[in-house]
């Protein structure tokens, strides 16, 4: 059970990271300076 939770958590985390990067890129297109922190977060 712990292994399953760990695996799904890391998968979820990588999905969130990807989504944040994509959001950051779109944001950077609109307003570069404001969204630099989104990419580095």
C-alpha atoms as a PDB file:
ATOM      1  CA  UNK A   1       0.000   0.000   0.000  1.00  0.00           C
ATOM      2  CA  UNK A   2       2.774   2.427   0.847  1.00  0.00           C
ATOM      3  CA  UNK A   3       4.510   1.713  -2.444  1.00  0.00           C
ATOM      4  CA  UNK A   4       1.313   2.401  -4.361  1.00  0.00           C
ATOM      5  CA  UNK A   5       0.776   5.701  -2.535  1.00  0.00           C
ATOM      6  CA  UNK A   6       4.372   6.745  -3.102  1.00  0.00           C
ATOM      7  CA  UNK A   7       4.216   5.911  -6.788  1.00  0.00           C
ATOM      8  CA  UNK A   8       0.924   7.709  -7.378  1.00  0.00           C
ATOM      9  CA  UNK A   9       2.145  10.727  -5.406  1.00  0.00           C
ATOM     10  CA  UNK A  10       5.304  11.072  -7.490  1.00  0.00           C
ATOM     11  CA  UNK A  11       3.292  10.614 -10.678  1.00  0.00           C
ATOM     12  CA  UNK A  12       0.853  13.285  -9.543  1.00  0.00           C
ATOM     13  CA  UNK A  13       3.733  15.571  -8.606  1.00  0.00           C
ATOM     14  CA  UNK A  14       5.361  15.213 -12.021  1.00  0.00           C
ATOM     15  CA  UNK A  15       1.999  15.895 -13.699  1.00  0.00           C
ATOM     16  CA  UNK A  16       1.623  19.051 -11.630  1.00  0.00           C
ATOM     17  CA  UNK A  17       5.185  20.087 -12.439  1.00  0.00           C
ATOM     18  CA  UNK A  18       4.529  19.667 -16.169  1.00  0.00           C
ATOM     19  CA  UNK A  19       1.323  21.670 -15.927  1.00  0.00           C
ATOM     20  CA  UNK A  20       3.113  24.434 -14.028  1.00  0.00           C
ATOM     21  CA  UNK A  21       5.862  24.579 -16.648  1.00  0.00           C
ATOM     22  CA  UNK A  22       3.317  24.819 -19.465  1.00  0.00           C
ATOM     23  CA  UNK A  23       1.450  27.520 -17.564  1.00  0.00           C
ATOM     24  CA  UNK A  24       4.695  29.360 -16.976  1.00  0.00           C
ATOM     25  CA  UNK A  25       5.579  29.239 -20.673  1.00  0.00           C
ATOM     26  CA  UNK A  26       2.189  30.596 -21.729  1.00  0.00           C
ATOM     27  CA  UNK A  27       2.447  33.221 -19.033  1.00  0.00           C
ATOM     28  CA  UNK A  28       5.931  34.167 -20.179  1.00  0.00           C
ATOM     29  CA  UNK A  29       4.622  34.770 -23.672  1.00  0.00           C
ATOM     30  CA  UNK A  30       2.131  37.256 -22.265  1.00  0.00           C
ATOM     31  CA  UNK A  31       4.294  38.865 -19.593  1.00  0.00           C
ATOM     32  CA  UNK A  32       7.869  37.644 -19.240  1.00  0.00           C
ATOM     33  CA  UNK A  33       8.932  39.412 -16.072  1.00  0.00           C
ATOM     34  CA  UNK A  34       5.887  38.634 -13.956  1.00  0.00           C
ATOM     35  CA  UNK A  35       5.975  34.873 -14.487  1.00  0.00           C
ATOM     36  CA  UNK A  36       9.633  34.012 -14.071  1.00  0.00           C
ATOM     37  CA  UNK A  37       8.844  32.861 -10.525  1.00  0.00           C
ATOM     38  CA  UNK A  38       6.240  30.412 -11.897  1.00  0.00           C
ATOM     39  CA  UNK A  39       8.935  28.641 -13.889  1.00  0.00           C
ATOM     40  CA  UNK A  40      11.410  28.485 -11.013  1.00  0.00           C
ATOM     41  CA  UNK A  41       8.878  27.556  -8.331  1.00  0.00           C
END
